[in-house]
């Protein structure tokens, strides 16, 4: 088995998981701005680590708890939609890369504003 296959499978799982979260889960804790940023699948296809980014800090913990409690349902839907011999166990991980990028952009914006005020 090549890495290409696991990469394609990871992309497909990412799309399917995102679709299930947005259209089939009706948990009130799933709220705010969030994204399934990437999925890593083990070589034996037994586990899929789904990285989820949440922009609002106050909603992060509730959303991740809701996803962890719904992982059995999400796995069942994946198995039905993807027709795999073995549906991987899903693990949800908090991905703070986007929030960190937004923070860095804000800091850089403040620094450049400060430089413009010093020149005048």
Protein backbone atom coordinates (compact mmCIF):
# COMPACT_ATOMS: atom_id res chain seq x y z
CA UNK A 1 0.00 0.00 0.00
CA UNK A 2 1.39 3.39 -0.92
CA UNK A 3 1.19 6.63 1.01
CA UNK A 4 -0.83 8.02 -1.88
CA UNK A 5 -3.76 5.82 -0.97
CA UNK A 6 -3.71 6.84 2.69
CA UNK A 7 -3.47 10.50 1.66
CA UNK A 8 -6.49 10.18 -0.63
CA UNK A 9 -8.39 8.31 2.07
CA UNK A 10 -7.51 11.03 4.61
CA UNK A 11 -8.88 13.72 2.28
CA UNK A 12 -12.08 11.77 1.72
CA UNK A 13 -12.53 11.19 5.46
CA UNK A 14 -11.97 14.90 6.06
CA UNK A 15 -14.75 15.81 3.62
CA UNK A 16 -17.13 13.18 5.00
CA UNK A 17 -16.53 14.07 8.66
CA UNK A 18 -17.02 17.77 7.95
CA UNK A 19 -20.25 17.00 6.09
CA UNK A 20 -21.59 14.85 8.91
CA UNK A 21 -20.76 17.47 11.54
CA UNK A 22 -22.39 20.28 9.59
CA UNK A 23 -25.52 18.50 8.34
CA UNK A 24 -26.31 15.53 10.59
CA UNK A 25 -25.23 16.41 14.13
CA UNK A 26 -27.71 18.56 16.02
CA UNK A 27 -25.84 19.02 19.28
CA UNK A 28 -26.20 22.58 20.64
CA UNK A 29 -22.52 22.53 21.68
CA UNK A 30 -21.55 22.42 18.00
CA UNK A 31 -21.62 26.14 17.37
CA UNK A 32 -19.36 28.91 16.18
CA UNK A 33 -16.68 29.03 13.53
CA UNK A 34 -14.91 25.70 13.18
CA UNK A 35 -13.22 23.61 10.54
CA UNK A 36 -11.85 20.11 10.10
CA UNK A 37 -8.41 21.26 9.00
CA UNK A 38 -6.80 17.90 8.22
CA UNK A 39 -6.97 14.17 8.85
CA UNK A 40 -4.09 11.79 9.43
CA UNK A 41 -4.76 8.09 8.80
CA UNK A 42 -2.45 5.38 10.13
CA UNK A 43 -0.83 3.10 7.58
CA UNK A 44 -2.95 0.15 8.72
CA UNK A 45 -6.11 2.31 8.28
CA UNK A 46 -7.26 1.56 11.83
CA UNK A 47 -7.21 5.14 13.15
CA UNK A 48 -8.04 8.53 11.71
CA UNK A 49 -6.92 11.57 13.67
CA UNK A 50 -9.18 14.52 12.79
CA UNK A 51 -7.75 17.95 13.57
CA UNK A 52 -10.49 20.47 14.35
CA UNK A 53 -9.86 24.20 14.56
CA UNK A 54 -12.25 26.41 16.54
CA UNK A 55 -11.81 30.19 16.35
CA UNK A 56 -13.85 31.13 19.43
CA UNK A 57 -11.99 30.13 22.61
CA UNK A 58 -15.19 29.96 24.69
CA UNK A 59 -16.76 27.41 22.32
CA UNK A 60 -13.71 25.17 21.79
CA UNK A 61 -14.12 22.84 24.77
CA UNK A 62 -17.85 22.26 24.27
CA UNK A 63 -17.49 21.58 20.57
CA UNK A 64 -14.67 19.08 21.07
CA UNK A 65 -16.65 17.29 23.80
CA UNK A 66 -19.66 17.08 21.48
CA UNK A 67 -17.52 15.60 18.71
CA UNK A 68 -15.93 13.07 21.04
CA UNK A 69 -19.34 11.93 22.25
CA UNK A 70 -20.61 11.63 18.65
CA UNK A 71 -17.57 9.80 17.26
CA UNK A 72 -19.38 6.44 17.20
CA UNK A 73 -22.19 7.89 15.11
CA UNK A 74 -19.73 9.64 12.79
CA UNK A 75 -17.79 6.40 12.33
CA UNK A 76 -20.99 4.51 11.50
CA UNK A 77 -21.95 7.10 8.86
CA UNK A 78 -18.42 6.98 7.43
CA UNK A 79 -18.63 3.20 7.12
CA UNK A 80 -21.95 3.44 5.34
CA UNK A 81 -20.90 6.20 2.93
CA UNK A 82 -17.34 5.13 2.11
CA UNK A 83 -17.72 1.34 1.75
CA UNK A 84 -14.42 0.49 3.42
CA UNK A 85 -13.47 -2.99 4.57
CA UNK A 86 -12.61 -1.52 7.96
CA UNK A 87 -13.83 1.89 9.10
CA UNK A 88 -11.10 3.68 11.07
CA UNK A 89 -11.55 4.64 14.71
CA UNK A 90 -11.91 8.43 14.84
CA UNK A 91 -9.92 10.61 17.22
CA UNK A 92 -10.61 14.34 17.46
CA UNK A 93 -7.70 16.69 18.21
CA UNK A 94 -7.76 20.42 18.89
CA UNK A 95 -5.87 22.26 16.14
CA UNK A 96 -4.91 25.79 17.16
CA UNK A 97 -2.92 26.68 14.04
CA UNK A 98 -5.59 28.92 12.49
CA UNK A 99 -6.24 30.77 15.76
CA UNK A 100 -2.49 31.23 16.18
CA UNK A 101 -2.23 32.58 12.62
CA UNK A 102 -5.03 35.08 13.32
CA UNK A 103 -3.24 36.17 16.49
CA UNK A 104 0.06 36.67 14.62
CA UNK A 105 -1.73 38.68 11.92
CA UNK A 106 -3.24 40.94 14.60
CA UNK A 107 0.14 41.47 16.26
CA UNK A 108 1.77 42.30 12.92
CA UNK A 109 -1.05 44.70 12.12
CA UNK A 110 -0.54 46.50 15.45
CA UNK A 111 3.21 46.70 14.88
CA UNK A 112 2.80 48.20 11.39
CA UNK A 113 0.25 50.71 12.71
CA UNK A 114 2.75 51.72 15.39
CA UNK A 115 5.48 52.22 12.78
CA UNK A 116 3.23 54.47 10.69
CA UNK A 117 2.39 56.62 13.71
CA UNK A 118 6.09 57.01 14.59
CA UNK A 119 6.90 58.32 11.10
CA UNK A 120 4.39 61.20 11.34
